[in-house]
Amino acid sequence: MPIWLRRFTFNEIKKHFEEENETIQNQSKGKNSNTKTVIDSDGKVKLPNLLQKPTNSKKPIKYG
């Protein structure tokens, strides 16, 4: 591949990804900042409220 074609191709790909990043950044600015994530700032995954064990658990009911 000639150098001029290689440079042209590289610049076109670079331009494409820069435009794509700009659109992603513009879309993320318009979103609500109160969104919840599942990952802590420590990088650990938080369990949803449905899967967490209740803190005031009662004794299990025994039948029989």
N, C-alpha and C. Protein backbone atom coordinates (compact mmCIF):
# COMPACT_ATOMS: atom_id res chain seq x y z
N MET A 1 0.86 -1.18 0.00
CA MET A 1 0.00 0.00 0.00
C MET A 1 0.91 1.24 0.00
N PRO A 2 0.67 2.17 -0.90
CA PRO A 2 1.49 3.39 -0.95
C PRO A 2 1.31 4.22 0.33
N ILE A 3 2.32 4.98 0.65
CA ILE A 3 2.30 5.78 1.88
C ILE A 3 1.16 6.79 1.86
N TRP A 4 0.90 7.42 0.73
CA TRP A 4 -0.17 8.43 0.68
C TRP A 4 -1.53 7.80 0.97
N LEU A 5 -1.74 6.57 0.48
CA LEU A 5 -3.00 5.88 0.72
C LEU A 5 -3.11 5.43 2.18
N ARG A 6 -2.00 5.01 2.74
CA ARG A 6 -1.97 4.60 4.14
C ARG A 6 -2.29 5.79 5.05
N ARG A 7 -1.69 6.95 4.76
CA ARG A 7 -1.96 8.16 5.55
C ARG A 7 -3.41 8.59 5.42
N PHE A 8 -3.94 8.56 4.20
CA PHE A 8 -5.32 8.94 3.97
C PHE A 8 -6.27 8.02 4.74
N THR A 9 -6.03 6.71 4.65
CA THR A 9 -6.88 5.75 5.35
C THR A 9 -6.81 5.96 6.86
N PHE A 10 -5.62 6.15 7.39
CA PHE A 10 -5.44 6.38 8.82
C PHE A 10 -6.18 7.64 9.25
N ASN A 11 -6.07 8.72 8.50
CA ASN A 11 -6.73 9.97 8.86
C ASN A 11 -8.26 9.85 8.79
N GLU A 12 -8.77 9.11 7.83
CA GLU A 12 -10.21 8.90 7.73
C GLU A 12 -10.73 8.09 8.92
N ILE A 13 -10.00 7.06 9.29
CA ILE A 13 -10.40 6.25 10.45
C ILE A 13 -10.33 7.10 11.72
N LYS A 14 -9.28 7.87 11.86
CA LYS A 14 -9.12 8.74 13.03
C LYS A 14 -10.26 9.76 13.11
N LYS A 15 -10.61 10.35 11.98
CA LYS A 15 -11.69 11.33 11.94
C LYS A 15 -13.01 10.69 12.33
N HIS A 16 -13.26 9.48 11.85
CA HIS A 16 -14.49 8.76 12.17
C HIS A 16 -14.62 8.54 13.67
N PHE A 17 -13.56 8.04 14.32
CA PHE A 17 -13.63 7.76 15.74
C PHE A 17 -13.71 9.03 16.58
N GLU A 18 -13.08 10.11 16.15
CA GLU A 18 -13.19 11.38 16.87
C GLU A 18 -14.63 11.90 16.82
N GLU A 19 -15.26 11.81 15.66
CA GLU A 19 -16.67 12.23 15.54
C GLU A 19 -17.57 11.35 16.40
N GLU A 20 -17.29 10.06 16.42
CA GLU A 20 -18.08 9.14 17.22
C GLU A 20 -17.95 9.47 18.71
N ASN A 21 -16.73 9.76 19.15
CA ASN A 21 -16.52 10.13 20.56
C ASN A 21 -17.21 11.43 20.92
N GLU A 22 -17.23 12.38 20.01
CA GLU A 22 -17.92 13.65 20.26
C GLU A 22 -19.42 13.42 20.43
N THR A 23 -20.01 12.60 19.59
CA THR A 23 -21.45 12.35 19.72
C THR A 23 -21.77 11.62 21.01
N ILE A 24 -20.91 10.69 21.42
CA ILE A 24 -21.12 9.98 22.69
C ILE A 24 -21.02 10.94 23.86
N GLN A 25 -20.04 11.84 23.82
CA GLN A 25 -19.88 12.81 24.90
C GLN A 25 -21.05 13.78 24.95
N ASN A 26 -21.55 14.19 23.80
CA ASN A 26 -22.69 15.10 23.77
C ASN A 26 -23.94 14.43 24.30
N GLN A 27 -24.12 13.15 24.01
CA GLN A 27 -25.28 12.42 24.51
C GLN A 27 -25.18 12.20 26.01
N SER A 28 -23.98 11.96 26.51
CA SER A 28 -23.84 11.70 27.94
C SER A 28 -24.02 12.98 28.75
N LYS A 29 -23.77 14.13 28.17
CA LYS A 29 -23.98 15.40 28.88
C LYS A 29 -25.47 15.66 29.08
N GLY A 30 -26.29 15.21 28.18
CA GLY A 30 -27.72 15.45 28.25
C GLY A 30 -28.44 14.51 29.20
N LYS A 31 -27.78 13.45 29.64
CA LYS A 31 -28.44 12.48 30.51
C LYS A 31 -28.52 13.02 31.93
N ASN A 32 -29.39 12.41 32.70
CA ASN A 32 -29.58 12.76 34.10
C ASN A 32 -28.38 12.29 34.90
N SER A 33 -27.87 13.13 35.78
CA SER A 33 -26.70 12.75 36.57
C SER A 33 -27.07 11.90 37.77
N ASN A 34 -28.36 11.65 38.00
CA ASN A 34 -28.80 10.85 39.13
C ASN A 34 -28.96 9.38 38.77
N THR A 35 -28.25 8.91 37.79
CA THR A 35 -28.36 7.51 37.40
C THR A 35 -27.65 6.64 38.42
N LYS A 36 -28.16 5.43 38.62
CA LYS A 36 -27.58 4.50 39.57
C LYS A 36 -26.77 3.48 38.82
N THR A 37 -25.64 3.10 39.41
CA THR A 37 -24.82 2.07 38.83
C THR A 37 -24.75 0.89 39.78
N VAL A 38 -24.34 -0.24 39.28
CA VAL A 38 -24.26 -1.44 40.08
C VAL A 38 -22.86 -1.61 40.66
N ILE A 39 -21.91 -0.78 40.24
CA ILE A 39 -20.53 -0.91 40.68
C ILE A 39 -20.18 0.25 41.60
N ASP A 40 -19.56 -0.06 42.77
CA ASP A 40 -19.12 0.95 43.72
C ASP A 40 -17.94 1.71 43.16
N SER A 41 -17.52 2.72 43.92
CA SER A 41 -16.30 3.42 43.54
C SER A 41 -15.08 2.54 43.78
N ASP A 42 -15.22 1.50 44.63
CA ASP A 42 -14.14 0.55 44.88
C ASP A 42 -14.01 -0.47 43.75
N GLY A 43 -15.03 -0.58 42.92
CA GLY A 43 -15.02 -1.54 41.83
C GLY A 43 -15.75 -2.82 42.16
N LYS A 44 -16.39 -2.87 43.34
CA LYS A 44 -17.14 -4.06 43.72
C LYS A 44 -18.58 -3.94 43.23
N VAL A 45 -19.17 -5.06 42.88
CA VAL A 45 -20.54 -5.08 42.39
C VAL A 45 -21.50 -5.08 43.57
N LYS A 46 -22.46 -4.14 43.56
CA LYS A 46 -23.46 -4.08 44.61
C LYS A 46 -24.63 -4.98 44.24
N LEU A 47 -25.21 -5.65 45.23
CA LEU A 47 -26.38 -6.47 44.99
C LEU A 47 -27.62 -5.59 44.95
N PRO A 48 -28.56 -5.91 44.09
CA PRO A 48 -29.82 -5.18 44.10
C PRO A 48 -30.56 -5.41 45.42
N ASN A 49 -31.48 -4.52 45.75
CA ASN A 49 -32.20 -4.62 47.01
C ASN A 49 -32.96 -5.93 47.14
N LEU A 50 -33.43 -6.49 46.06
CA LEU A 50 -34.18 -7.74 46.12
C LEU A 50 -33.31 -8.92 46.56
N LEU A 51 -32.03 -8.88 46.24
CA LEU A 51 -31.16 -10.00 46.55
C LEU A 51 -30.44 -9.86 47.89
N GLN A 52 -30.51 -8.70 48.51
CA GLN A 52 -29.83 -8.50 49.78
C GLN A 52 -30.62 -9.16 50.91
N LYS A 53 -29.90 -9.67 51.89
CA LYS A 53 -30.55 -10.29 53.04
C LYS A 53 -31.10 -9.19 53.94
N PRO A 54 -32.29 -9.37 54.45
CA PRO A 54 -32.84 -8.36 55.35
C PRO A 54 -32.05 -8.33 56.66
N THR A 55 -31.88 -7.14 57.21
CA THR A 55 -31.10 -6.99 58.43
C THR A 55 -31.88 -7.44 59.64
N ASN A 56 -33.18 -7.32 59.63
CA ASN A 56 -34.01 -7.73 60.77
C ASN A 56 -34.70 -9.06 60.43
N SER A 57 -33.88 -10.06 60.13
CA SER A 57 -34.46 -11.34 59.71
C SER A 57 -35.09 -12.04 60.90
N LYS A 58 -36.23 -12.62 60.66
CA LYS A 58 -36.95 -13.36 61.69
C LYS A 58 -36.52 -14.82 61.63
N LYS A 59 -36.84 -15.55 62.66
CA LYS A 59 -36.53 -16.97 62.68
C LYS A 59 -37.39 -17.67 61.64
N PRO A 60 -36.84 -18.66 60.96
CA PRO A 60 -37.65 -19.37 59.97
C PRO A 60 -38.78 -20.15 60.63
N ILE A 61 -39.87 -20.25 59.93
CA ILE A 61 -41.05 -20.97 60.43
C ILE A 61 -40.84 -22.45 60.22
N LYS A 62 -41.04 -23.22 61.28
CA LYS A 62 -40.89 -24.68 61.17
C LYS A 62 -42.27 -25.30 61.13
N TYR A 63 -42.53 -26.07 60.11
CA TYR A 63 -43.80 -26.77 59.97
C TYR A 63 -43.60 -28.22 60.38
N GLY A 64 -44.53 -28.76 61.17
CA GLY A 64 -44.49 -30.18 61.44
C GLY A 64 -44.29 -30.57 62.83
